Amino acid sequence: MKEMMIMKVNFYATLRPIVGQKTVELNLPQGTTAIELVRMFVKDYPAMRRELLDENEQFLPHMKFFINGRQAEYLPGQMGTVLQPDDKVDIFPPVGGG
């Protein structure tokens, strides 16, 4: 059996009212990737599925997933990056304004 880790995920802007709080704690198996975290998360928060995943269960390209302040799409593993217990995860909707 895999060891578990507690992962804190921070949500911003229009996503926060959907989850009802800024930070959600998830109990995840060690070795969980960024995309696996999102897929597990939407099981607990089904209203977030359309906000975060496309019909193929892939993270929507206009959404922003950050690991320790770095956008996942620019990391070598992208959304396949394996999360570590002390990683800081932030999820943002597209930001507009001016």
N, C-alpha and C. Protein backbone atom coordinates (compact mmCIF):
# COMPACT_ATOMS: atom_id res chain seq x y z
N MET A 1 0.84 -1.19 0.00
CA MET A 1 0.00 0.00 0.00
C MET A 1 0.88 1.25 0.00
N LYS A 2 0.52 2.22 -0.85
CA LYS A 2 1.30 3.44 -0.95
C LYS A 2 1.12 4.31 0.29
N GLU A 3 2.20 5.00 0.65
CA GLU A 3 2.10 5.99 1.71
C GLU A 3 1.24 7.13 1.22
N MET A 4 0.56 7.78 2.15
CA MET A 4 -0.30 8.91 1.79
C MET A 4 0.38 10.22 2.17
N MET A 5 -0.04 11.28 1.53
CA MET A 5 0.46 12.62 1.87
C MET A 5 -0.73 13.58 1.86
N ILE A 6 -0.64 14.60 2.70
CA ILE A 6 -1.65 15.65 2.72
C ILE A 6 -1.16 16.75 1.79
N MET A 7 -1.97 17.11 0.82
CA MET A 7 -1.61 18.17 -0.13
C MET A 7 -2.62 19.30 0.04
N LYS A 8 -2.11 20.50 0.26
CA LYS A 8 -2.96 21.69 0.33
C LYS A 8 -3.00 22.32 -1.05
N VAL A 9 -4.20 22.58 -1.53
CA VAL A 9 -4.40 23.18 -2.85
C VAL A 9 -5.14 24.49 -2.65
N ASN A 10 -4.56 25.58 -3.17
CA ASN A 10 -5.15 26.91 -3.06
C ASN A 10 -5.90 27.26 -4.34
N PHE A 11 -7.10 27.82 -4.16
CA PHE A 11 -7.93 28.23 -5.29
C PHE A 11 -8.13 29.74 -5.26
N TYR A 12 -8.26 30.33 -6.44
CA TYR A 12 -8.34 31.77 -6.55
C TYR A 12 -9.51 32.20 -7.41
N ALA A 13 -9.90 33.46 -7.23
CA ALA A 13 -10.89 34.16 -8.05
C ALA A 13 -12.20 33.38 -8.13
N THR A 14 -12.66 33.12 -9.35
CA THR A 14 -13.99 32.51 -9.54
C THR A 14 -14.04 31.06 -9.07
N LEU A 15 -12.90 30.42 -8.85
CA LEU A 15 -12.92 29.02 -8.39
C LEU A 15 -13.22 28.93 -6.89
N ARG A 16 -12.83 29.95 -6.14
CA ARG A 16 -12.97 29.89 -4.68
C ARG A 16 -14.42 29.71 -4.23
N PRO A 17 -15.40 30.46 -4.79
CA PRO A 17 -16.78 30.24 -4.33
C PRO A 17 -17.30 28.83 -4.62
N ILE A 18 -16.78 28.19 -5.65
CA ILE A 18 -17.24 26.84 -5.99
C ILE A 18 -16.83 25.85 -4.90
N VAL A 19 -15.59 25.98 -4.39
CA VAL A 19 -15.15 25.06 -3.33
C VAL A 19 -15.50 25.58 -1.95
N GLY A 20 -15.86 26.87 -1.85
CA GLY A 20 -16.32 27.43 -0.59
C GLY A 20 -15.21 27.82 0.37
N GLN A 21 -13.98 27.77 -0.06
CA GLN A 21 -12.86 28.14 0.79
C GLN A 21 -11.64 28.37 -0.07
N LYS A 22 -10.60 29.00 0.52
CA LYS A 22 -9.39 29.28 -0.25
C LYS A 22 -8.56 28.02 -0.44
N THR A 23 -8.42 27.23 0.63
CA THR A 23 -7.51 26.08 0.61
C THR A 23 -8.28 24.80 0.90
N VAL A 24 -8.02 23.79 0.09
CA VAL A 24 -8.60 22.47 0.29
C VAL A 24 -7.45 21.50 0.56
N GLU A 25 -7.62 20.63 1.56
CA GLU A 25 -6.61 19.60 1.83
C GLU A 25 -7.07 18.29 1.22
N LEU A 26 -6.17 17.66 0.49
CA LEU A 26 -6.46 16.37 -0.11
C LEU A 26 -5.49 15.33 0.44
N ASN A 27 -6.00 14.15 0.72
CA ASN A 27 -5.16 13.03 1.15
C ASN A 27 -4.87 12.21 -0.10
N LEU A 28 -3.62 12.26 -0.55
CA LEU A 28 -3.24 11.64 -1.82
C LEU A 28 -2.16 10.59 -1.62
N PRO A 29 -2.14 9.57 -2.49
CA PRO A 29 -1.03 8.60 -2.43
C PRO A 29 0.28 9.27 -2.86
N GLN A 30 1.38 8.86 -2.25
CA GLN A 30 2.70 9.32 -2.70
C GLN A 30 2.82 8.99 -4.17
N GLY A 31 3.46 9.87 -4.93
CA GLY A 31 3.64 9.62 -6.35
C GLY A 31 2.53 10.16 -7.22
N THR A 32 1.54 10.86 -6.63
CA THR A 32 0.44 11.44 -7.40
C THR A 32 0.98 12.54 -8.31
N THR A 33 0.51 12.56 -9.56
CA THR A 33 0.90 13.61 -10.49
C THR A 33 -0.10 14.76 -10.41
N ALA A 34 0.27 15.89 -11.03
CA ALA A 34 -0.61 17.06 -11.04
C ALA A 34 -1.97 16.73 -11.65
N ILE A 35 -2.00 16.07 -12.80
CA ILE A 35 -3.28 15.76 -13.43
C ILE A 35 -4.07 14.76 -12.59
N GLU A 36 -3.42 13.83 -11.93
CA GLU A 36 -4.13 12.88 -11.05
C GLU A 36 -4.76 13.63 -9.87
N LEU A 37 -4.06 14.63 -9.35
CA LEU A 37 -4.62 15.43 -8.26
C LEU A 37 -5.92 16.07 -8.73
N VAL A 38 -5.91 16.68 -9.90
CA VAL A 38 -7.10 17.34 -10.42
C VAL A 38 -8.24 16.34 -10.60
N ARG A 39 -7.94 15.18 -11.16
CA ARG A 39 -8.98 14.16 -11.38
C ARG A 39 -9.56 13.67 -10.05
N MET A 40 -8.71 13.49 -9.04
CA MET A 40 -9.20 13.06 -7.72
C MET A 40 -10.03 14.17 -7.08
N PHE A 41 -9.57 15.41 -7.24
CA PHE A 41 -10.25 16.55 -6.65
C PHE A 41 -11.67 16.69 -7.18
N VAL A 42 -11.87 16.54 -8.49
CA VAL A 42 -13.21 16.73 -9.04
C VAL A 42 -14.18 15.62 -8.63
N LYS A 43 -13.66 14.51 -8.12
CA LYS A 43 -14.56 13.49 -7.57
C LYS A 43 -15.23 14.02 -6.30
N ASP A 44 -14.47 14.80 -5.50
CA ASP A 44 -15.02 15.39 -4.27
C ASP A 44 -15.81 16.67 -4.54
N TYR A 45 -15.46 17.37 -5.61
CA TYR A 45 -16.10 18.63 -5.98
C TYR A 45 -16.54 18.56 -7.44
N PRO A 46 -17.64 17.82 -7.70
CA PRO A 46 -18.06 17.60 -9.09
C PRO A 46 -18.33 18.89 -9.88
N ALA A 47 -18.71 19.97 -9.20
CA ALA A 47 -18.97 21.23 -9.90
C ALA A 47 -17.70 21.80 -10.53
N MET A 48 -16.54 21.36 -10.07
CA MET A 48 -15.28 21.85 -10.60
C MET A 48 -14.85 21.13 -11.88
N ARG A 49 -15.51 20.01 -12.19
CA ARG A 49 -15.10 19.23 -13.37
C ARG A 49 -15.11 20.11 -14.62
N ARG A 50 -16.21 20.81 -14.88
CA ARG A 50 -16.30 21.62 -16.10
C ARG A 50 -15.37 22.82 -16.07
N GLU A 51 -14.94 23.22 -14.87
CA GLU A 51 -14.01 24.34 -14.75
C GLU A 51 -12.56 23.92 -15.04
N LEU A 52 -12.24 22.65 -14.75
CA LEU A 52 -10.85 22.22 -14.78
C LEU A 52 -10.50 21.18 -15.85
N LEU A 53 -11.46 20.35 -16.25
CA LEU A 53 -11.16 19.23 -17.15
C LEU A 53 -11.99 19.29 -18.42
N ASP A 54 -11.37 18.84 -19.52
CA ASP A 54 -12.12 18.72 -20.77
C ASP A 54 -12.79 17.34 -20.83
N GLU A 55 -13.40 17.04 -21.96
CA GLU A 55 -14.14 15.76 -22.09
C GLU A 55 -13.21 14.55 -22.06
N ASN A 56 -11.91 14.76 -22.25
CA ASN A 56 -10.94 13.67 -22.20
C ASN A 56 -10.19 13.59 -20.87
N GLU A 57 -10.74 14.30 -19.85
CA GLU A 57 -10.13 14.30 -18.51
C GLU A 57 -8.75 14.97 -18.49
N GLN A 58 -8.51 15.88 -19.46
CA GLN A 58 -7.26 16.63 -19.48
C GLN A 58 -7.50 18.02 -18.90
N PHE A 59 -6.46 18.56 -18.26
CA PHE A 59 -6.56 19.88 -17.65
C PHE A 59 -6.77 20.92 -18.75
N LEU A 60 -7.75 21.79 -18.56
CA LEU A 60 -8.06 22.79 -19.57
C LEU A 60 -6.88 23.74 -19.78
N PRO A 61 -6.52 24.00 -21.03
CA PRO A 61 -5.32 24.79 -21.30
C PRO A 61 -5.40 26.24 -20.83
N HIS A 62 -6.60 26.81 -20.70
CA HIS A 62 -6.69 28.20 -20.26
C HIS A 62 -6.60 28.34 -18.74
N MET A 63 -6.71 27.24 -18.02
CA MET A 63 -6.57 27.27 -16.55
C MET A 63 -5.08 27.24 -16.20
N LYS A 64 -4.75 27.72 -15.02
CA LYS A 64 -3.35 27.78 -14.60
C LYS A 64 -3.14 26.91 -13.36
N PHE A 65 -2.20 25.98 -13.45
CA PHE A 65 -1.85 25.08 -12.35
C PHE A 65 -0.39 25.37 -12.01
N PHE A 66 -0.15 25.86 -10.78
CA PHE A 66 1.20 26.20 -10.35
C PHE A 66 1.69 25.24 -9.28
N ILE A 67 2.93 24.81 -9.40
CA ILE A 67 3.60 24.00 -8.38
C ILE A 67 4.79 24.82 -7.90
N ASN A 68 4.76 25.17 -6.64
CA ASN A 68 5.82 26.00 -6.04
C ASN A 68 6.09 27.27 -6.86
N GLY A 69 5.00 27.90 -7.32
CA GLY A 69 5.12 29.16 -8.03
C GLY A 69 5.50 29.05 -9.49
N ARG A 70 5.64 27.83 -9.99
CA ARG A 70 5.98 27.64 -11.41
C ARG A 70 4.81 26.98 -12.12
N GLN A 71 4.45 27.54 -13.26
CA GLN A 71 3.33 27.01 -14.02
C GLN A 71 3.66 25.63 -14.55
N ALA A 72 2.77 24.66 -14.29
CA ALA A 72 3.03 23.26 -14.64
C ALA A 72 3.32 23.07 -16.13
N GLU A 73 2.67 23.84 -16.99
CA GLU A 73 2.89 23.63 -18.42
C GLU A 73 4.33 23.93 -18.84
N TYR A 74 5.09 24.64 -18.00
CA TYR A 74 6.49 24.94 -18.31
C TYR A 74 7.47 24.04 -17.58
N LEU A 75 6.97 23.14 -16.75
CA LEU A 75 7.84 22.18 -16.06
C LEU A 75 8.14 21.01 -16.99
N PRO A 76 9.28 20.33 -16.81
CA PRO A 76 9.61 19.21 -17.71
C PRO A 76 8.51 18.17 -17.79
N GLY A 77 7.88 17.84 -16.68
CA GLY A 77 6.82 16.82 -16.69
C GLY A 77 5.44 17.37 -16.96
N GLN A 78 5.32 18.68 -17.08
CA GLN A 78 4.05 19.36 -17.26
C GLN A 78 3.02 18.84 -16.24
N MET A 79 1.81 18.48 -16.68
CA MET A 79 0.79 17.99 -15.73
C MET A 79 1.08 16.57 -15.25
N GLY A 80 2.12 15.95 -15.80
CA GLY A 80 2.57 14.64 -15.33
C GLY A 80 3.61 14.75 -14.21
N THR A 81 3.90 15.97 -13.78
CA THR A 81 4.87 16.20 -12.71
C THR A 81 4.39 15.52 -11.43
N VAL A 82 5.27 14.75 -10.82
CA VAL A 82 4.94 14.07 -9.55
C VAL A 82 5.03 15.09 -8.42
N LEU A 83 3.97 15.16 -7.63
CA LEU A 83 3.91 16.10 -6.52
C LEU A 83 4.63 15.54 -5.30
N GLN A 84 5.27 16.44 -4.57
CA GLN A 84 5.96 16.10 -3.33
C GLN A 84 5.13 16.64 -2.17
N PRO A 85 5.23 16.01 -0.97
CA PRO A 85 4.39 16.43 0.15
C PRO A 85 4.51 17.90 0.53
N ASP A 86 5.67 18.50 0.30
CA ASP A 86 5.84 19.91 0.70
C ASP A 86 5.63 20.89 -0.44
N ASP A 87 5.13 20.42 -1.59
CA ASP A 87 4.86 21.32 -2.71
C ASP A 87 3.69 22.24 -2.38
N LYS A 88 3.75 23.46 -2.94
CA LYS A 88 2.65 24.42 -2.83
C LYS A 88 1.93 24.39 -4.17
N VAL A 89 0.64 24.10 -4.14
CA VAL A 89 -0.16 23.99 -5.37
C VAL A 89 -1.21 25.11 -5.38
N ASP A 90 -1.26 25.83 -6.50
CA ASP A 90 -2.22 26.91 -6.70
C ASP A 90 -2.90 26.71 -8.04
N ILE A 91 -4.23 26.91 -8.06
CA ILE A 91 -4.99 26.78 -9.31
C ILE A 91 -5.74 28.09 -9.54
N PHE A 92 -5.52 28.68 -10.73
CA PHE A 92 -6.12 29.96 -11.09
C PHE A 92 -6.97 29.81 -12.34
N PRO A 93 -8.07 30.56 -12.42
CA PRO A 93 -8.77 30.70 -13.70
C PRO A 93 -8.00 31.72 -14.53
N PRO A 94 -8.40 31.89 -15.80
CA PRO A 94 -7.74 32.92 -16.60
C PRO A 94 -7.97 34.29 -15.94
N VAL A 95 -6.97 35.14 -15.97
CA VAL A 95 -7.08 36.44 -15.34
C VAL A 95 -7.17 37.49 -16.43
N GLY A 96 -8.14 38.36 -16.30
CA GLY A 96 -8.29 39.44 -17.26
C GLY A 96 -8.34 40.76 -16.52
N GLY A 97 -8.43 41.80 -17.25
CA GLY A 97 -8.51 43.12 -16.63
C GLY A 97 -7.58 44.07 -17.33
N GLY A 98 -7.51 45.26 -16.77
CA GLY A 98 -6.63 46.21 -17.43
C GLY A 98 -6.68 47.56 -16.78
